[in-house]
Amino acid sequence: MNAAPASTPDNRGWVGRLELEIGRVAGRSALERRSHVGPLYVQRPFYPEGPEVVHLYVLHPPGGVVGGDLLDVSVRIGQGASALLTTPAAQKWYRSAGPTSRLTTTLSVAAGATLEWLPSENIAFDAARARQSTRLELAPGAAAVAWEISCWGRPASGIRFDRGEVSLGFEIFRGAEPLLIERARVVGGSEVLREAWGYASRPVAGVLYAVPAEPTALPELTKVLRELPAEPAVSCSVTALEELLVVRALGDSTEAVRRVLIRAWAALRPDVIGRPATLPRIWST
């Protein structure tokens, strides 16, 4: 379904909605349903590793979010299907005169299915105001890897995030049971950006969550991650919780932090997703 973009009720921004349903059809993972409104879309399915896994690229043609925009992405992975979703470019949160943008992502994974949610980084421009929330819902026997990368300001240009406010939220549920609920509120120029208990004056932060279908392999996977080669100028940690692994990275550039997360994803994928790492082709363009 295609529809014309709609403005928000107070006409301060645009509404974008994208709904995707991936199922198992005739021995392959297939995009069974696609519905979009406004500036969100998805390219045709790609199969760089054969019919078992569908790769999809979520597009936001404006390339940035302005004050008052409302973006909503919903992805459902049916039983036995596997999908990898990424984006072709960074998402820019531009400065706002006052209204807050809201970006909501809901990811639902059925029994025996796998999902990899690996978007490009979010860049918070000075004076940006945004609220981003992601909820990952896993049925028993489902597995997933997801990451989130945030850049505060534009370090390559020497511009810091001195004004504005960004709220981040990430939730992971197994059925009705919460496995992880994280919240962060980042005010431009505040202590959370500078202090060691926050971002320690590092402008880029990345976090990867890995949830295998069964948690029995977590101790061994933790060891594998801790033995990966270090990335210069990136601080990294690995935490094993009851049913998931969390990898956190702080660095001075999005490229370095992204390399750390890709390295962790590649090491985890055979055990969590059940397949060797196959990089999305768009990452090489």
C-alpha atoms as a PDB file:
ATOM      1  CA  MET A   1       0.000   0.000   0.000  1.00  0.00           C
ATOM      2  CA  ASN A   2       1.298   3.470  -0.898  1.00  0.00           C
ATOM      3  CA  ALA A   3      -0.182   6.659   0.459  1.00  0.00           C
ATOM      4  CA  ALA A   4       0.654  10.322   0.363  1.00  0.00           C
ATOM      5  CA  PRO A   5       2.669  11.705   3.279  1.00  0.00           C
ATOM      6  CA  ALA A   6       0.586  13.083   6.104  1.00  0.00           C
ATOM      7  CA  SER A   7       1.498  15.880   8.446  1.00  0.00           C
ATOM      8  CA  THR A   8       1.269  15.586  12.199  1.00  0.00           C
ATOM      9  CA  PRO A   9      -1.885  16.983  13.849  1.00  0.00           C
ATOM     10  CA  ASP A  10      -0.195  20.304  14.638  1.00  0.00           C
ATOM     11  CA  ASN A  11       1.452  20.452  11.178  1.00  0.00           C
ATOM     12  CA  ARG A  12       4.937  20.626  12.681  1.00  0.00           C
ATOM     13  CA  GLY A  13       6.351  17.546  10.950  1.00  0.00           C
ATOM     14  CA  TRP A  14       5.692  14.520   8.797  1.00  0.00           C
ATOM     15  CA  VAL A  15       4.223  11.135   9.624  1.00  0.00           C
ATOM     16  CA  GLY A  16       5.985   8.074   8.250  1.00  0.00           C
ATOM     17  CA  ARG A  17       4.864   4.498   8.833  1.00  0.00           C
ATOM     18  CA  LEU A  18       6.305   1.242   7.542  1.00  0.00           C
ATOM     19  CA  GLU A  19       4.867  -2.208   8.228  1.00  0.00           C
ATOM     20  CA  LEU A  20       6.642  -5.361   7.068  1.00  0.00           C
ATOM     21  CA  GLU A  21       5.692  -9.004   7.430  1.00  0.00           C
ATOM     22  CA  ILE A  22       8.225 -11.712   6.533  1.00  0.00           C
ATOM     23  CA  GLY A  23       7.143 -15.328   6.351  1.00  0.00           C
ATOM     24  CA  ARG A  24       8.317 -18.753   5.301  1.00  0.00           C
ATOM     25  CA  VAL A  25       6.985 -19.470   1.795  1.00  0.00           C
ATOM     26  CA  ALA A  26       7.926 -22.481  -0.349  1.00  0.00           C
ATOM     27  CA  GLY A  27      11.203 -23.026   1.475  1.00  0.00           C
ATOM     28  CA  ARG A  28      12.336 -19.399   1.466  1.00  0.00           C
ATOM     29  CA  SER A  29      12.011 -16.348   3.665  1.00  0.00           C
ATOM     30  CA  ALA A  30       9.818 -13.915   1.771  1.00  0.00           C
ATOM     31  CA  LEU A  31       8.438 -10.417   2.203  1.00  0.00           C
ATOM     32  CA  GLU A  32       4.739 -11.265   2.355  1.00  0.00           C
ATOM     33  CA  ARG A  33       3.332  -7.847   3.194  1.00  0.00           C
ATOM     34  CA  ARG A  34       4.604  -4.304   2.867  1.00  0.00           C
ATOM     35  CA  SER A  35       2.650  -1.177   3.794  1.00  0.00           C
ATOM     36  CA  HIS A  36       4.015   2.329   3.964  1.00  0.00           C
ATOM     37  CA  VAL A  37       2.847   5.888   4.469  1.00  0.00           C
ATOM     38  CA  GLY A  38       5.048   8.923   3.964  1.00  0.00           C
ATOM     39  CA  PRO A  39       8.859   8.954   3.803  1.00  0.00           C
ATOM     40  CA  LEU A  40       9.586   5.345   4.764  1.00  0.00           C
ATOM     41  CA  TYR A  41      10.012   2.523   2.296  1.00  0.00           C
ATOM     42  CA  VAL A  42      11.875  -0.710   1.694  1.00  0.00           C
ATOM     43  CA  GLN A  43      13.765  -1.834  -1.380  1.00  0.00           C
ATOM     44  CA  ARG A  44      13.149  -5.146  -3.075  1.00  0.00           C
ATOM     45  CA  PRO A  45      14.306  -8.227  -1.154  1.00  0.00           C
ATOM     46  CA  PHE A  46      17.880  -9.409  -1.603  1.00  0.00           C
ATOM     47  CA  TYR A  47      19.226 -12.959  -1.116  1.00  0.00           C
ATOM     48  CA  PRO A  48      23.039 -12.746  -0.955  1.00  0.00           C
ATOM     49  CA  GLU A  49      23.221 -15.939   1.130  1.00  0.00           C
ATOM     50  CA  GLY A  50      20.482 -17.970  -0.534  1.00  0.00           C
ATOM     51  CA  PRO A  51      16.739 -18.319   0.047  1.00  0.00           C
ATOM     52  CA  GLU A  52      16.935 -19.011   3.782  1.00  0.00           C
ATOM     53  CA  VAL A  53      17.564 -15.379   4.765  1.00  0.00           C
ATOM     54  CA  VAL A  54      16.025 -12.275   3.199  1.00  0.00           C
ATOM     55  CA  HIS A  55      17.979  -8.995   3.375  1.00  0.00           C
ATOM     56  CA  LEU A  56      15.921  -5.791   3.393  1.00  0.00           C
ATOM     57  CA  TYR A  57      17.076  -2.170   3.278  1.00  0.00           C
ATOM     58  CA  VAL A  58      14.828   0.323   5.064  1.00  0.00           C
ATOM     59  CA  LEU A  59      14.871   3.688   3.291  1.00  0.00           C
ATOM     60  CA  HIS A  60      14.125   7.156   4.619  1.00  0.00           C
ATOM     61  CA  PRO A  61      14.713   9.323   1.519  1.00  0.00           C
ATOM     62  CA  PRO A  62      14.847  12.679   3.365  1.00  0.00           C
ATOM     63  CA  GLY A  63      17.883  11.334   5.214  1.00  0.00           C
ATOM     64  CA  GLY A  64      17.057  13.320   8.323  1.00  0.00           C
ATOM     65  CA  VAL A  65      14.449  13.975  10.976  1.00  0.00           C
ATOM     66  CA  VAL A  66      13.239  17.460  11.882  1.00  0.00           C
ATOM     67  CA  GLY A  67      11.283  18.684  14.878  1.00  0.00           C
ATOM     68  CA  GLY A  68       7.817  17.156  15.109  1.00  0.00           C
ATOM     69  CA  ASP A  69       8.385  14.230  12.707  1.00  0.00           C
ATOM     70  CA  LEU A  70       6.720  10.960  13.690  1.00  0.00           C
ATOM     71  CA  LEU A  71       8.279   7.782  12.261  1.00  0.00           C
ATOM     72  CA  ASP A  72       6.956   4.315  13.058  1.00  0.00           C
ATOM     73  CA  VAL A  73       8.457   1.013  11.860  1.00  0.00           C
ATOM     74  CA  SER A  74       6.824  -2.350  12.560  1.00  0.00           C
ATOM     75  CA  VAL A  75       8.430  -5.655  11.517  1.00  0.00           C
ATOM     76  CA  ARG A  76       6.951  -9.122  12.029  1.00  0.00           C
ATOM     77  CA  ILE A  77       8.950 -12.276  11.342  1.00  0.00           C
ATOM     78  CA  GLY A  78       6.756 -15.359  10.942  1.00  0.00           C
ATOM     79  CA  GLN A  79       7.514 -18.836  12.215  1.00  0.00           C
ATOM     80  CA  GLY A  80      10.654 -20.345  10.690  1.00  0.00           C
ATOM     81  CA  ALA A  81      11.561 -17.245   8.648  1.00  0.00           C
ATOM     82  CA  SER A  82      14.837 -15.309   8.835  1.00  0.00           C
ATOM     83  CA  ALA A  83      15.500 -11.677   7.962  1.00  0.00           C
ATOM     84  CA  LEU A  84      18.324  -9.147   8.154  1.00  0.00           C
ATOM     85  CA  LEU A  85      17.330  -5.486   8.042  1.00  0.00           C
ATOM     86  CA  THR A  86      19.654  -2.521   7.721  1.00  0.00           C
ATOM     87  CA  THR A  87      19.651   1.040   6.390  1.00  0.00           C
ATOM     88  CA  PRO A  88      21.818   2.553   3.648  1.00  0.00           C
ATOM     89  CA  ALA A  89      22.894   5.712   5.470  1.00  0.00           C
ATOM     90  CA  ALA A  90      23.020   7.515   8.788  1.00  0.00           C
ATOM     91  CA  GLN A  91      19.832   8.949  10.240  1.00  0.00           C
ATOM     92  CA  LYS A  92      20.320  12.637  11.063  1.00  0.00           C
ATOM     93  CA  TRP A  93      18.393  14.295  13.869  1.00  0.00           C
ATOM     94  CA  TYR A  94      18.442  17.955  12.824  1.00  0.00           C
ATOM     95  CA  ARG A  95      18.110  20.893  15.194  1.00  0.00           C
ATOM     96  CA  SER A  96      14.602  21.764  16.283  1.00  0.00           C
ATOM     97  CA  ALA A  97      13.001  25.071  17.209  1.00  0.00           C
ATOM     98  CA  GLY A  98      11.036  23.245  19.905  1.00  0.00           C
ATOM     99  CA  PRO A  99       8.982  20.222  18.769  1.00  0.00           C
ATOM    100  CA  THR A 100      10.298  16.738  19.574  1.00  0.00           C
ATOM    101  CA  SER A 101      10.575  14.073  16.882  1.00  0.00           C
ATOM    102  CA  ARG A 102       9.479  10.555  17.765  1.00  0.00           C
ATOM    103  CA  LEU A 103      10.879   7.394  16.221  1.00  0.00           C
ATOM    104  CA  THR A 104       9.283   4.104  17.252  1.00  0.00           C
ATOM    105  CA  THR A 105      10.360   0.627  16.144  1.00  0.00           C
ATOM    106  CA  THR A 106       8.558  -2.602  17.043  1.00  0.00           C
ATOM    107  CA  LEU A 107      10.180  -5.917  16.093  1.00  0.00           C
ATOM    108  CA  SER A 108       8.244  -9.150  16.582  1.00  0.00           C
ATOM    109  CA  VAL A 109       9.875 -12.558  16.030  1.00  0.00           C
ATOM    110  CA  ALA A 110       7.873 -15.810  16.036  1.00  0.00           C
ATOM    111  CA  ALA A 111       9.005 -19.245  17.236  1.00  0.00           C
ATOM    112  CA  GLY A 112      11.866 -20.723  15.228  1.00  0.00           C
ATOM    113  CA  ALA A 113      12.472 -17.403  13.437  1.00  0.00           C
ATOM    114  CA  THR A 114      15.508 -15.108  13.473  1.00  0.00           C
ATOM    115  CA  LEU A 115      15.900 -11.364  13.054  1.00  0.00           C
ATOM    116  CA  GLU A 116      18.938  -9.141  12.636  1.00  0.00           C
ATOM    117  CA  TRP A 117      18.216  -5.422  13.079  1.00  0.00           C
ATOM    118  CA  LEU A 118      21.403  -3.571  12.105  1.00  0.00           C
ATOM    119  CA  PRO A 119      20.637   0.056  11.194  1.00  0.00           C
ATOM    120  CA  SER A 120      23.193   2.744  10.477  1.00  0.00           C
ATOM    121  CA  GLU A 121      24.051   5.297  13.136  1.00  0.00           C
ATOM    122  CA  ASN A 122      21.881   8.149  14.404  1.00  0.00           C
ATOM    123  CA  ILE A 123      23.579  11.560  14.414  1.00  0.00           C
ATOM    124  CA  ALA A 124      22.220  14.114  16.886  1.00  0.00           C
ATOM    125  CA  PHE A 125      22.915  17.585  15.520  1.00  0.00           C
ATOM    126  CA  ASP A 126      23.315  20.395  18.022  1.00  0.00           C
ATOM    127  CA  ALA A 127      19.872  21.519  19.308  1.00  0.00           C
ATOM    128  CA  ALA A 128      18.149  18.340  18.130  1.00  0.00           C
ATOM    129  CA  ARG A 129      15.108  17.133  20.056  1.00  0.00           C
ATOM    130  CA  ALA A 130      14.159  13.481  19.519  1.00  0.00           C
ATOM    131  CA  ARG A 131      12.736  10.474  21.285  1.00  0.00           C
ATOM    132  CA  GLN A 132      13.618   7.020  19.953  1.00  0.00           C
ATOM    133  CA  SER A 133      12.246   3.755  21.295  1.00  0.00           C
ATOM    134  CA  THR A 134      12.755   0.178  20.113  1.00  0.00           C
ATOM    135  CA  ARG A 135      10.890  -2.886  21.365  1.00  0.00           C
ATOM    136  CA  LEU A 136      12.013  -6.399  20.443  1.00  0.00           C
ATOM    137  CA  GLU A 137       9.431  -9.110  21.112  1.00  0.00           C
ATOM    138  CA  LEU A 138      10.653 -12.706  20.934  1.00  0.00           C
ATOM    139  CA  ALA A 139       8.525 -15.834  21.069  1.00  0.00           C
ATOM    140  CA  PRO A 140      10.002 -18.962  22.713  1.00  0.00           C
ATOM    141  CA  GLY A 141      12.602 -20.432  20.358  1.00  0.00           C
ATOM    142  CA  ALA A 142      13.169 -17.139  18.475  1.00  0.00           C
ATOM    143  CA  ALA A 143      16.618 -15.541  18.158  1.00  0.00           C
ATOM    144  CA  ALA A 144      17.809 -12.040  17.342  1.00  0.00           C
ATOM    145  CA  VAL A 145      20.745  -9.670  17.102  1.00  0.00           C
ATOM    146  CA  ALA A 146      20.124  -5.916  17.196  1.00  0.00           C
ATOM    147  CA  TRP A 147      22.275  -2.857  17.580  1.00  0.00           C
ATOM    148  CA  GLU A 148      21.996   0.890  18.052  1.00  0.00           C
ATOM    149  CA  ILE A 149      24.680   3.484  17.327  1.00  0.00           C
ATOM    150  CA  SER A 150      24.383   7.114  18.444  1.00  0.00           C
ATOM    151  CA  CYS A 151      26.669  10.016  17.582  1.00  0.00           C
ATOM    152  CA  TRP A 152      26.440  13.148  19.731  1.00  0.00           C
ATOM    153  CA  GLY A 153      27.197  16.167  17.570  1.00  0.00           C
ATOM    154  CA  ARG A 154      29.417  16.069  14.506  1.00  0.00           C
ATOM    155  CA  PRO A 155      32.901  15.249  15.785  1.00  0.00           C
ATOM    156  CA  ALA A 156      34.499  15.316  12.338  1.00  0.00           C
ATOM    157  CA  SER A 157      33.510  19.005  12.087  1.00  0.00           C
ATOM    158  CA  GLY A 158      34.313  19.801  15.701  1.00  0.00           C
ATOM    159  CA  ILE A 159      30.646  20.486  16.519  1.00  0.00           C
ATOM    160  CA  ARG A 160      29.404  19.179  19.855  1.00  0.00           C
ATOM    161  CA  PHE A 161      25.916  18.354  21.095  1.00  0.00           C
ATOM    162  CA  ASP A 162      25.626  21.349  23.407  1.00  0.00           C
ATOM    163  CA  ARG A 163      21.880  22.017  23.170  1.00  0.00           C
ATOM    164  CA  GLY A 164      18.752  19.950  22.754  1.00  0.00           C
ATOM    165  CA  GLU A 165      17.560  16.685  24.246  1.00  0.00           C
ATOM    166  CA  VAL A 166      17.418  13.082  23.023  1.00  0.00           C
ATOM    167  CA  SER A 167      15.739  10.169  24.801  1.00  0.00           C
ATOM    168  CA  LEU A 168      16.603   6.575  23.928  1.00  0.00           C
ATOM    169  CA  GLY A 169      14.790   3.415  24.946  1.00  0.00           C
ATOM    170  CA  PHE A 170      15.367  -0.254  24.131  1.00  0.00           C
ATOM    171  CA  GLU A 171      13.220  -3.133  25.405  1.00  0.00           C
ATOM    172  CA  ILE A 172      13.593  -6.871  24.840  1.00  0.00           C
ATOM    173  CA  PHE A 173      10.844  -9.294  25.829  1.00  0.00           C
ATOM    174  CA  ARG A 174      10.622 -13.087  25.682  1.00  0.00           C
ATOM    175  CA  GLY A 175       6.890 -13.579  25.606  1.00  0.00           C
ATOM    176  CA  ALA A 176       5.524 -11.458  28.457  1.00  0.00           C
ATOM    177  CA  GLU A 177       8.807 -11.533  30.401  1.00  0.00           C
ATOM    178  CA  PRO A 178      11.141  -8.534  30.095  1.00  0.00           C
ATOM    179  CA  LEU A 179      14.761  -9.522  29.439  1.00  0.00           C
ATOM    180  CA  LEU A 180      16.073  -5.973  29.235  1.00  0.00           C
ATOM    181  CA  ILE A 181      14.649  -2.465  29.605  1.00  0.00           C
ATOM    182  CA  GLU A 182      17.054   0.427  29.044  1.00  0.00           C
ATOM    183  CA  ARG A 183      16.443   4.157  29.096  1.00  0.00           C
ATOM    184  CA  ALA A 184      18.749   7.094  28.442  1.00  0.00           C
ATOM    185  CA  ARG A 185      18.023  10.824  28.500  1.00  0.00           C
ATOM    186  CA  VAL A 186      20.770  12.924  26.982  1.00  0.00           C
ATOM    187  CA  VAL A 187      20.595  16.692  27.403  1.00  0.00           C
ATOM    188  CA  GLY A 188      22.974  18.689  25.246  1.00  0.00           C
ATOM    189  CA  GLY A 189      26.026  19.903  27.151  1.00  0.00           C
ATOM    190  CA  SER A 190      25.104  17.938  30.286  1.00  0.00           C
ATOM    191  CA  GLU A 191      27.272  15.837  32.599  1.00  0.00           C
ATOM    192  CA  VAL A 192      26.116  12.573  31.036  1.00  0.00           C
ATOM    193  CA  LEU A 193      28.152  13.466  27.945  1.00  0.00           C
ATOM    194  CA  ARG A 194      31.310  14.312  29.893  1.00  0.00           C
ATOM    195  CA  GLU A 195      31.533  12.158  32.999  1.00  0.00           C
ATOM    196  CA  ALA A 196      33.018   8.660  33.257  1.00  0.00           C
ATOM    197  CA  TRP A 197      29.675   7.256  34.442  1.00  0.00           C
ATOM    198  CA  GLY A 198      28.132   8.494  31.180  1.00  0.00           C
ATOM    199  CA  TYR A 199      29.721   8.841  27.761  1.00  0.00           C
ATOM    200  CA  ALA A 200      33.122   9.986  29.105  1.00  0.00           C
ATOM    201  CA  SER A 201      33.469  12.731  26.463  1.00  0.00           C
ATOM    202  CA  ARG A 202      33.345  10.117  23.699  1.00  0.00           C
ATOM    203  CA  PRO A 203      30.951  11.349  20.986  1.00  0.00           C
ATOM    204  CA  VAL A 204      29.918   7.915  19.644  1.00  0.00           C
ATOM    205  CA  ALA A 205      28.215   5.107  21.551  1.00  0.00           C
ATOM    206  CA  GLY A 206      27.173   1.719  20.247  1.00  0.00           C
ATOM    207  CA  VAL A 207      25.368  -1.184  21.864  1.00  0.00           C
ATOM    208  CA  LEU A 208      24.675  -4.650  20.468  1.00  0.00           C
ATOM    209  CA  TYR A 209      22.148  -7.096  21.910  1.00  0.00           C
ATOM    210  CA  ALA A 210      22.291 -10.807  21.068  1.00  0.00           C
ATOM    211  CA  VAL A 211      19.529 -13.186  22.151  1.00  0.00           C
ATOM    212  CA  PRO A 212      20.035 -16.838  21.143  1.00  0.00           C
ATOM    213  CA  ALA A 213      17.096 -19.228  20.989  1.00  0.00           C
ATOM    214  CA  GLU A 214      18.607 -21.062  23.985  1.00  0.00           C
ATOM    215  CA  PRO A 215      20.919 -19.341  26.490  1.00  0.00           C
ATOM    216  CA  THR A 216      23.151 -22.353  27.150  1.00  0.00           C
ATOM    217  CA  ALA A 217      25.963 -21.042  24.916  1.00  0.00           C
ATOM    218  CA  LEU A 218      26.269 -17.643  26.601  1.00  0.00           C
ATOM    219  CA  PRO A 219      29.424 -18.374  28.673  1.00  0.00           C
ATOM    220  CA  GLU A 220      31.344 -19.585  25.618  1.00  0.00           C
ATOM    221  CA  LEU A 221      30.102 -16.706  23.459  1.00  0.00           C
ATOM    222  CA  THR A 222      31.149 -14.224  26.121  1.00  0.00           C
ATOM    223  CA  LYS A 223      34.657 -15.669  26.014  1.00  0.00           C
ATOM    224  CA  VAL A 224      34.740 -15.455  22.212  1.00  0.00           C
ATOM    225  CA  LEU A 225      33.750 -11.780  22.274  1.00  0.00           C
ATOM    226  CA  ARG A 226      36.319 -10.880  24.924  1.00  0.00           C
ATOM    227  CA  GLU A 227      39.077 -12.436  22.809  1.00  0.00           C
ATOM    228  CA  LEU A 228      38.297 -10.385  19.702  1.00  0.00           C
ATOM    229  CA  PRO A 229      41.002  -7.952  18.550  1.00  0.00           C
ATOM    230  CA  ALA A 230      40.771  -4.520  20.140  1.00  0.00           C
ATOM    231  CA  GLU A 231      39.898  -1.465  18.084  1.00  0.00           C
ATOM    232  CA  PRO A 232      42.192   1.542  18.659  1.00  0.00           C
ATOM    233  CA  ALA A 233      40.519   4.435  20.493  1.00  0.00           C
ATOM    234  CA  VAL A 234      37.382   2.402  21.315  1.00  0.00           C
ATOM    235  CA  SER A 235      36.442   1.278  24.826  1.00  0.00           C
ATOM    236  CA  CYS A 236      34.413  -1.915  24.804  1.00  0.00           C
ATOM    237  CA  SER A 237      32.651  -4.154  27.325  1.00  0.00           C
ATOM    238  CA  VAL A 238      30.757  -7.464  27.189  1.00  0.00           C
ATOM    239  CA  THR A 239      28.024  -8.405  29.661  1.00  0.00           C
ATOM    240  CA  ALA A 240      26.186 -11.730  29.887  1.00  0.00           C
ATOM    241  CA  LEU A 241      22.708 -11.516  31.372  1.00  0.00           C
ATOM    242  CA  GLU A 242      20.360 -14.438  31.917  1.00  0.00           C
ATOM    243  CA  GLU A 243      19.280 -14.850  28.282  1.00  0.00           C
ATOM    244  CA  LEU A 244      21.260 -12.303  26.294  1.00  0.00           C
ATOM    245  CA  LEU A 245      24.629 -10.756  25.644  1.00  0.00           C
ATOM    246  CA  VAL A 246      25.228  -7.006  25.602  1.00  0.00           C
ATOM    247  CA  VAL A 247      28.238  -5.439  23.887  1.00  0.00           C
ATOM    248  CA  ARG A 248      28.891  -1.735  24.507  1.00  0.00           C
ATOM    249  CA  ALA A 249      31.398   0.487  22.743  1.00  0.00           C
ATOM    250  CA  LEU A 250      32.470   4.121  23.178  1.00  0.00           C
ATOM    251  CA  GLY A 251      34.647   5.817  20.606  1.00  0.00           C
ATOM    252  CA  ASP A 252      35.612   8.966  18.780  1.00  0.00           C
ATOM    253  CA  SER A 253      34.211   8.019  15.368  1.00  0.00           C
ATOM    254  CA  THR A 254      31.197   6.148  14.048  1.00  0.00           C
ATOM    255  CA  GLU A 255      33.453   4.129  11.747  1.00  0.00           C
ATOM    256  CA  ALA A 256      35.504   2.722  14.628  1.00  0.00           C
ATOM    257  CA  VAL A 257      32.491   1.897  16.794  1.00  0.00           C
ATOM    258  CA  ARG A 258      30.733   0.329  13.845  1.00  0.00           C
ATOM    259  CA  ARG A 259      33.766  -1.886  13.168  1.00  0.00           C
ATOM    260  CA  VAL A 260      33.604  -3.149  16.751  1.00  0.00           C
ATOM    261  CA  LEU A 261      29.922  -4.041  16.456  1.00  0.00           C
ATOM    262  CA  ILE A 262      30.341  -5.694  13.055  1.00  0.00           C
ATOM    263  CA  ARG A 263      33.204  -7.774  14.449  1.00  0.00           C
ATOM    264  CA  ALA A 264      31.037  -8.847  17.404  1.00  0.00           C
ATOM    265  CA  TRP A 265      28.053  -9.608  15.162  1.00  0.00           C
ATOM    266  CA  ALA A 266      30.209 -11.715  12.829  1.00  0.00           C
ATOM    267  CA  ALA A 267      31.583 -13.708  15.768  1.00  0.00           C
ATOM    268  CA  LEU A 268      28.135 -14.295  17.270  1.00  0.00           C
ATOM    269  CA  ARG A 269      26.129 -15.011  14.149  1.00  0.00           C
ATOM    270  CA  PRO A 270      26.984 -18.719  13.682  1.00  0.00           C
ATOM    271  CA  ASP A 271      25.764 -19.535  17.192  1.00  0.00           C
ATOM    272  CA  VAL A 272      22.917 -17.043  17.575  1.00  0.00           C
ATOM    273  CA  ILE A 273      21.481 -17.012  14.048  1.00  0.00           C
ATOM    274  CA  GLY A 274      22.869 -20.358  12.882  1.00  0.00           C
ATOM    275  CA  ARG A 275      24.745 -19.084   9.821  1.00  0.00           C
ATOM    276  CA  PRO A 276      28.183 -17.642   9.036  1.00  0.00           C
ATOM    277  CA  ALA A 277      28.394 -13.873   8.688  1.00  0.00           C
ATOM    278  CA  THR A 278      27.371 -12.498   5.302  1.00  0.00           C
ATOM    279  CA  LEU A 279      27.690  -8.725   5.114  1.00  0.00           C
ATOM    280  CA  PRO A 280      24.825  -6.862   3.433  1.00  0.00           C
ATOM    281  CA  ARG A 281      25.970  -5.703   0.029  1.00  0.00           C
ATOM    282  CA  ILE A 282      24.958  -2.113   0.760  1.00  0.00           C
ATOM    283  CA  TRP A 283      27.634  -1.913   3.470  1.00  0.00           C
ATOM    284  CA  SER A 284      30.251  -2.107   0.715  1.00  0.00           C
ATOM    285  CA  THR A 285      28.859   0.768  -1.358  1.00  0.00           C
END
